[in-house]
Protein backbone atom coordinates (compact mmCIF):
# COMPACT_ATOMS: atom_id res chain seq x y z
CA MET A 1 -12.87 -6.41 23.00
CA PHE A 2 -16.42 -7.75 23.03
CA GLY A 3 -17.82 -4.53 24.48
CA LYS A 4 -16.23 -2.71 21.54
CA LEU A 5 -17.71 -5.25 19.12
CA ASP A 6 -21.21 -4.77 20.55
CA GLY A 7 -20.78 -1.02 20.05
CA ILE A 8 -19.74 -1.59 16.43
CA VAL A 9 -22.82 -3.73 15.79
CA SER A 10 -25.06 -0.98 17.23
CA ARG A 11 -23.36 1.63 15.06
CA PHE A 12 -23.68 -0.62 11.98
CA GLU A 13 -27.42 -1.04 12.56
CA GLU A 14 -27.80 2.70 13.07
CA ILE A 15 -25.98 3.46 9.79
CA SER A 16 -28.03 0.79 7.96
CA GLU A 17 -31.16 2.78 8.78
CA MET A 18 -29.59 6.15 8.01
CA ILE A 19 -28.38 5.25 4.51
CA ASN A 20 -31.97 4.42 3.53
CA ASP A 21 -33.33 7.72 4.84
CA PRO A 22 -34.40 9.89 1.84
CA GLU A 23 -33.31 13.05 3.66
CA ILE A 24 -29.77 11.72 4.10
CA ILE A 25 -29.67 10.30 0.56
CA SER A 26 -30.36 13.82 -0.73
CA LYS A 27 -27.17 15.04 1.01
CA GLN A 28 -24.72 13.13 -1.17
CA ASP A 29 -21.52 14.02 0.71
CA ARG A 30 -22.87 12.78 4.02
CA TRP A 31 -24.47 9.72 2.40
CA ARG A 32 -21.16 8.72 0.76
CA LYS A 33 -19.32 9.02 4.09
CA LEU A 34 -21.93 6.85 5.80
CA MET A 35 -21.75 4.27 2.99
CA LYS A 36 -17.97 4.15 3.40
CA GLU A 37 -18.32 3.64 7.18
CA HIS A 38 -21.00 0.99 6.57
CA SER A 39 -18.66 -0.86 4.20
CA ASP A 40 -15.73 -0.64 6.65
CA LEU A 41 -17.80 -2.04 9.54
CA SER A 42 -19.57 -4.81 7.59
CA ALA A 43 -16.59 -7.22 7.65
CA ILE A 44 -16.28 -6.87 11.45
CA VAL A 45 -20.03 -7.34 11.97
CA GLU A 46 -20.13 -10.47 9.78
CA LYS A 47 -17.13 -11.97 11.56
CA TYR A 48 -18.67 -11.21 14.98
CA LYS A 49 -21.92 -12.93 13.86
CA GLU A 50 -19.84 -15.96 12.91
CA TYR A 51 -18.18 -15.87 16.35
CA LYS A 52 -21.53 -15.77 18.15
CA ALA A 53 -22.95 -18.58 15.98
CA ASN A 54 -20.05 -20.80 17.02
CA LYS A 55 -20.61 -19.88 20.67
CA VAL A 56 -24.23 -21.07 20.31
CA ASN A 57 -23.03 -24.29 18.65
CA ILE A 58 -20.73 -24.95 21.61
CA GLU A 59 -23.55 -24.45 24.11
CA ASP A 60 -25.87 -26.73 22.10
CA SER A 61 -23.20 -29.42 21.80
CA LEU A 62 -22.48 -29.32 25.54
CA ALA A 63 -26.20 -29.64 26.26
CA ILE A 64 -26.48 -32.71 24.01
CA LEU A 65 -23.44 -34.33 25.66
CA GLU A 66 -24.99 -33.77 29.07
CA GLU A 67 -28.54 -34.83 28.28
CA GLU A 68 -28.31 -37.32 25.40
CA ASP A 69 -27.87 -41.07 25.98
CA ASP A 70 -27.48 -42.10 22.33
CA PRO A 71 -23.73 -42.83 21.77
CA GLU A 72 -23.96 -41.85 18.08
CA MET A 73 -25.55 -38.48 18.89
CA LYS A 74 -22.96 -37.88 21.60
CA GLU A 75 -20.13 -38.61 19.14
CA MET A 76 -21.60 -36.17 16.61
CA ALA A 77 -21.98 -33.52 19.31
CA LYS A 78 -18.39 -34.07 20.39
CA GLU A 79 -17.12 -33.57 16.84
CA GLU A 80 -19.18 -30.41 16.43
CA LEU A 81 -17.99 -29.13 19.81
CA ASN A 82 -14.32 -29.56 18.86
CA GLU A 83 -14.86 -27.95 15.46
CA SER A 84 -16.68 -24.96 16.97
CA LYS A 85 -13.95 -24.50 19.61
CA ASP A 86 -11.30 -24.46 16.87
CA ASN A 87 -13.38 -21.99 14.89
CA LEU A 88 -13.74 -19.77 17.95
CA VAL A 89 -9.95 -19.50 18.40
CA ARG A 90 -9.44 -18.70 14.69
CA ILE A 91 -12.28 -16.16 14.52
CA GLU A 92 -11.11 -14.40 17.68
CA GLU A 93 -7.68 -13.82 16.09
CA GLU A 94 -9.32 -12.58 12.91
CA LEU A 95 -11.47 -10.18 14.93
CA LYS A 96 -8.38 -8.78 16.66
CA VAL A 97 -6.86 -8.00 13.25
CA LEU A 98 -10.09 -6.42 12.00
CA LEU A 99 -10.19 -4.19 15.11
CA LEU A 100 -6.67 -2.83 14.54
CA PRO A 101 -6.69 0.93 13.87
CA LYS A 102 -6.98 1.41 10.12
CA ASP A 103 -4.49 3.51 8.19
CA PRO A 104 -6.64 6.36 6.82
CA ASN A 105 -4.60 6.31 3.61
CA ASP A 106 -5.14 2.62 2.83
CA ASP A 107 -7.91 3.16 0.28
CA LYS A 108 -6.09 5.93 -1.56
CA ASN A 109 -4.38 5.96 -4.93
CA VAL A 110 -0.59 6.21 -4.84
CA PHE A 111 2.31 8.01 -6.42
CA VAL A 112 5.36 5.80 -6.89
CA GLU A 113 8.76 7.44 -7.33
CA ILE A 114 11.67 5.29 -8.51
CA ARG A 115 15.21 6.68 -8.71
CA GLY A 116 18.47 5.05 -9.72
CA GLY A 117 20.99 5.18 -6.86
CA ALA A 118 24.51 3.78 -6.64
CA GLY A 119 25.56 1.90 -9.76
CA GLY A 120 25.17 4.33 -12.65
CA ASP A 121 23.72 2.71 -15.79
CA GLU A 122 23.04 -0.56 -13.96
CA ALA A 123 20.95 1.28 -11.37
CA ALA A 124 19.02 3.06 -14.13
CA LEU A 125 18.35 -0.23 -15.92
CA PHE A 126 17.06 -1.80 -12.71
CA ALA A 127 14.90 1.27 -12.04
CA ALA A 128 13.23 0.50 -15.39
CA SER A 129 12.78 -3.13 -14.28
CA LEU A 130 11.04 -2.01 -11.07
CA PHE A 131 8.83 0.36 -13.06
CA ARG A 132 7.75 -2.61 -15.17
CA MET A 133 7.29 -4.81 -12.06
CA TYR A 134 4.90 -2.34 -10.40
CA SER A 135 3.09 -1.68 -13.71
CA ARG A 136 2.53 -5.42 -14.21
CA TYR A 137 1.39 -5.78 -10.58
CA ALA A 138 -1.10 -2.96 -11.18
CA GLU A 139 -2.38 -4.76 -14.30
CA ARG A 140 -2.90 -7.96 -12.27
CA ASN A 141 -5.06 -5.96 -9.85
CA ARG A 142 -6.86 -4.12 -12.67
CA TRP A 143 -5.47 -0.81 -11.46
CA LYS A 144 -4.72 2.10 -13.76
CA VAL A 145 -1.14 3.37 -14.23
CA GLU A 146 -0.59 7.00 -15.22
CA THR A 147 2.92 8.30 -15.91
CA MET A 148 3.80 11.64 -14.32
CA SER A 149 7.44 12.01 -15.28
CA LEU A 150 10.13 9.82 -16.87
CA ASN A 151 13.79 10.82 -16.98
CA GLU A 152 15.41 8.27 -19.26
CA SER A 153 19.08 7.29 -19.28
CA GLY A 154 20.99 6.67 -22.48
CA VAL A 155 20.98 2.88 -22.08
CA GLY A 156 17.24 2.24 -21.91
CA GLY A 157 16.93 2.74 -18.17
CA PHE A 158 15.38 5.44 -15.99
CA LYS A 159 17.24 7.92 -13.85
CA GLU A 160 13.85 8.73 -12.38
CA ALA A 161 10.28 7.54 -12.90
CA VAL A 162 7.25 9.07 -11.21
CA PHE A 163 3.85 7.51 -11.85
CA MET A 164 0.43 7.19 -10.31
CA ILE A 165 -1.42 3.95 -9.60
CA GLN A 166 -5.18 4.32 -9.24
CA GLY A 167 -7.18 1.51 -7.69
CA GLN A 168 -9.03 0.32 -4.60
CA GLY A 169 -6.55 -0.42 -1.81
CA ALA A 170 -3.46 0.55 -3.84
CA TYR A 171 -1.75 2.25 -0.91
CA SER A 172 -2.60 -0.55 1.54
CA LYS A 173 -0.69 -3.00 -0.70
CA LEU A 174 2.17 -0.86 -1.96
CA LYS A 175 3.08 1.24 1.09
CA TYR A 176 5.66 -1.34 2.21
CA GLU A 177 7.68 -0.83 -1.01
CA SER A 178 9.30 2.42 0.16
CA GLY A 179 13.03 2.07 0.72
CA VAL A 180 16.24 0.94 -0.98
CA HIS A 181 16.01 -1.98 -3.42
CA ARG A 182 19.37 -3.62 -4.09
CA VAL A 183 20.21 -5.60 -7.23
CA GLN A 184 23.12 -8.03 -7.61
CA ARG A 185 23.94 -9.19 -11.14
CA VAL A 186 26.58 -9.31 -13.88
CA PRO A 187 26.14 -6.27 -16.15
CA VAL A 188 26.10 -6.94 -19.90
CA THR A 189 29.12 -4.63 -20.20
CA GLU A 190 31.12 -6.67 -17.66
CA SER A 191 33.58 -8.85 -19.60
CA GLY A 192 35.06 -10.48 -16.49
CA GLY A 193 31.74 -11.89 -15.28
CA ARG A 194 31.92 -10.07 -11.94
CA ILE A 195 28.75 -9.46 -9.98
CA HIS A 196 27.96 -5.78 -9.42
CA THR A 197 25.72 -4.37 -6.71
CA SER A 198 23.50 -1.39 -7.52
CA THR A 199 20.68 0.33 -5.66
CA VAL A 200 17.39 1.95 -6.53
CA THR A 201 15.24 4.00 -4.15
CA VAL A 202 11.46 3.69 -4.16
CA ALA A 203 9.01 6.04 -2.48
CA VAL A 204 5.28 5.32 -2.28
CA LEU A 205 3.11 8.31 -1.42
CA PRO A 206 -0.67 8.36 -0.95
CA GLU A 207 -2.62 10.72 -3.18
CA VAL A 208 -3.95 13.58 -1.05
CA GLU A 209 -6.78 16.00 -1.60
CA ASP A 210 -6.69 19.78 -1.38
CA VAL A 211 -8.24 19.57 2.08
CA ASP A 212 -5.37 17.36 3.33
CA VAL A 213 -2.59 19.74 2.28
CA GLN A 214 -3.12 23.42 1.60
CA ILE A 215 -0.60 24.92 -0.82
CA ASN A 216 -0.10 28.68 -0.90
CA MET A 217 0.43 29.54 -4.57
CA ASN A 218 2.65 32.45 -3.46
CA ASP A 219 5.10 29.85 -2.13
CA LEU A 220 5.59 28.37 -5.61
CA ARG A 221 7.93 29.23 -8.46
CA ILE A 222 6.56 27.77 -11.70
CA ASP A 223 8.83 27.47 -14.74
CA VAL A 224 7.80 26.21 -18.16
CA TYR A 225 10.19 24.81 -20.76
CA ARG A 226 10.34 22.63 -23.83
CA SER A 227 9.90 18.91 -23.22
CA SER A 228 12.74 16.53 -24.00
CA GLY A 229 12.87 12.83 -24.84
CA ASN A 230 10.28 10.74 -26.67
CA GLY A 231 6.95 12.41 -26.79
CA GLY A 232 5.96 13.25 -30.32
CA GLN A 233 6.21 16.38 -32.39
CA CYS A 234 3.83 18.53 -30.39
CA VAL A 235 5.35 17.71 -27.00
CA ASN A 236 8.87 18.54 -28.12
CA THR A 237 8.12 21.81 -29.92
CA THR A 238 6.04 23.68 -27.32
CA ASP A 239 6.79 24.96 -23.84
CA SER A 240 4.51 22.34 -22.26
CA ALA A 241 6.86 20.97 -19.59
CA VAL A 242 6.39 22.36 -16.07
CA ARG A 243 8.79 22.65 -13.14
CA ILE A 244 7.34 23.67 -9.77
CA THR A 245 9.60 24.71 -6.90
CA HIS A 246 8.10 24.89 -3.41
CA LEU A 247 10.16 27.72 -1.95
CA PRO A 248 9.68 27.01 1.81
CA THR A 249 10.95 23.41 1.50
CA GLY A 250 13.01 23.52 -1.69
CA LEU A 251 11.02 20.60 -3.16
CA VAL A 252 11.14 20.51 -6.96
CA VAL A 253 8.60 18.63 -9.11
CA THR A 254 8.72 18.38 -12.90
CA CYS A 255 6.17 16.99 -15.33
CA GLN A 256 6.41 16.83 -19.11
CA ASP A 257 4.34 13.77 -19.97
CA GLU A 258 1.31 15.65 -21.33
CA LYS A 259 1.07 17.85 -24.42
CA SER A 260 -0.86 20.42 -22.41
CA GLN A 261 1.02 22.76 -20.08
CA LEU A 262 -2.11 23.00 -17.90
CA LYS A 263 -2.32 19.20 -17.51
CA ASN A 264 1.39 18.98 -16.66
CA LYS A 265 0.94 21.71 -14.04
CA ASP A 266 -2.02 19.87 -12.53
CA LYS A 267 -0.05 16.60 -12.35
CA ALA A 268 2.99 18.32 -10.84
CA LEU A 269 0.82 19.94 -8.15
CA LYS A 270 -0.63 16.52 -7.25
CA VAL A 271 2.86 15.09 -6.80
CA LEU A 272 3.98 18.12 -4.78
CA ARG A 273 0.94 17.80 -2.52
CA ALA A 274 1.76 14.13 -1.90
CA ARG A 275 5.40 14.94 -1.05
CA LEU A 276 4.42 17.69 1.37
CA TYR A 277 1.97 15.31 3.02
CA GLU A 278 4.75 12.73 3.37
CA ILE A 279 6.98 15.28 5.12
CA GLU A 280 4.19 16.01 7.60
CA GLN A 281 3.59 12.28 8.14
CA GLU A 282 7.30 11.70 8.82
CA LYS A 283 7.26 14.44 11.47
CA GLN A 284 4.35 12.72 13.22
CA GLN A 285 6.00 9.29 12.99
CA LYS A 286 9.16 10.58 14.66
CA GLU A 287 7.06 11.47 17.68
CA VAL A 288 5.88 7.88 17.99
CA ALA A 289 7.81 5.72 20.47
CA GLN A 290 10.30 3.24 18.96
CA ASN A 291 8.47 0.18 20.32
CA ARG A 292 5.35 1.14 18.37
CA LYS A 293 7.08 1.26 15.01
CA SER A 294 6.17 -1.46 12.56
CA GLN A 295 8.36 -4.52 12.27
CA VAL A 296 8.41 -4.15 8.51
CA GLY A 297 10.07 -0.75 8.63
CA THR A 298 9.18 2.90 8.82
CA GLY A 299 9.09 3.52 5.09
CA ASP A 300 12.35 5.44 5.31
CA ARG A 301 13.81 5.80 1.82
CA SER A 302 17.31 5.17 3.17
CA GLU A 303 16.38 1.78 4.65
CA LYS A 304 17.58 -1.25 2.63
CA ILE A 305 14.50 -3.40 2.33
CA ARG A 306 15.07 -5.95 -0.44
CA THR A 307 17.75 -7.67 -2.52
CA TYR A 308 17.24 -9.07 -6.02
CA ASN A 309 20.05 -11.57 -6.70
CA PHE A 310 20.16 -12.59 -10.37
CA PRO A 311 22.87 -15.32 -10.24
CA GLN A 312 20.85 -17.18 -7.57
CA GLY A 313 17.44 -16.24 -8.99
CA ARG A 314 16.27 -15.12 -5.56
CA VAL A 315 14.56 -12.18 -3.90
CA THR A 316 15.06 -11.52 -0.18
CA ASP A 317 13.03 -9.07 1.88
CA HIS A 318 15.32 -8.21 4.79
CA ARG A 319 12.61 -6.82 7.08
CA ILE A 320 10.77 -10.12 7.45
CA LYS A 321 13.61 -12.45 6.36
CA LEU A 322 11.54 -13.79 3.45
CA THR A 323 13.45 -15.41 0.58
CA LEU A 324 11.79 -16.57 -2.64
CA HIS A 325 13.59 -18.31 -5.50
CA ARG A 326 11.47 -17.03 -8.37
CA LEU A 327 13.06 -13.77 -9.41
CA ASP A 328 11.63 -13.77 -12.96
CA GLY A 329 8.04 -14.08 -11.76
CA ILE A 330 8.46 -11.33 -9.18
CA LEU A 331 9.97 -8.93 -11.73
CA ASP A 332 6.98 -9.76 -13.94
CA GLY A 333 4.70 -8.31 -11.25
CA ASP A 334 3.88 -11.46 -9.27
CA ILE A 335 4.63 -9.87 -5.89
CA GLU A 336 1.40 -10.80 -4.08
CA GLU A 337 3.17 -13.32 -1.80
CA VAL A 338 5.70 -10.68 -0.74
CA VAL A 339 2.97 -8.07 -0.18
CA ASP A 340 0.78 -10.47 1.84
CA SER A 341 3.74 -11.54 4.00
CA LEU A 342 4.57 -7.90 4.77
CA ILE A 343 0.96 -7.13 5.68
CA THR A 344 0.80 -10.19 7.96
CA ALA A 345 4.06 -9.24 9.70
CA ASP A 346 2.86 -5.67 10.19
CA GLN A 347 -0.44 -6.85 11.69
CA ALA A 348 1.37 -9.26 14.02
CA GLU A 349 3.60 -6.47 15.31
CA LYS A 350 0.65 -4.15 15.86
CA LEU A 351 -1.21 -6.89 17.75
CA LYS A 352 1.83 -7.45 19.95
CA ASN A 353 2.06 -3.73 20.72
CA MET A 354 -1.68 -3.57 21.46
CA GLN A 355 -1.48 -6.51 23.90
CA SER A 356 1.53 -5.02 25.71
CA GLU A 357 -0.25 -1.71 26.37
């Protein structure tokens, strides 16, 4: 590990010189890539400096204990020695986490797709609740939410909601949300007070660039039609809505949120590109051995990941056996504790796999 860390420090110092070179600054694409690498390595370099400083403190403290006769000085050195040893253990674990291979998608914006599953109107209503939960979470992080497509039900819920969240690290935080979300509650239409169980599926896809996924326009069938639902006079009276069918895979994407047909087409293509990228990612993941899969799940949309129980006011994430009794706060977007716990569990599993190799 320490040989790798020394190599990272050398690379960091090399990049530090390069990003100040006028010739490289003039080549903006290369300069931006180097700045990104510099930023990624800086946390590791700083933590390694902290590690080495504590190693020096330990050596100094041991020297004082060996050479010093003053009992007070020896006591102070002993305290500092113990503190530095504790720091060393903590920092070493933090360095291991920082050295884990980074998901290349972590810094990307995301598309979130929410669909009502089993449960009819109840599922649609809960889909709307999850849409609000993720929107509020985005607000807390000062991320931007942009609606791609909303298919409303007649009771104020959503049969389907597709939206984009733009912000630093959005995918790194939200990627664990893919899967089946189950809700248990008494519907307002239930006169007998019986608890019903409904499901909603969530998919979180990283935004991808043209270079990540090439789309042959000859493989697309593009239909335009009149928008439906709430959207204002102009939206509902022009053929601005767009439906794109990717013929090789059968994937269908619709977008009718914008007044402009061109903008709707552009949005739909972005969503299609993300879905095609996800298909390719799933193919690669299937080739990975089972023991290297993350403890917190594979992101499979069919995997039941969480239950929201209204009578008990609790939320349980089944992958990490985390239960929190503050349902209202979570549905209001306060999901940071859940997200952090999932990230920690994922890192622990990756560390275990790395040590067993």
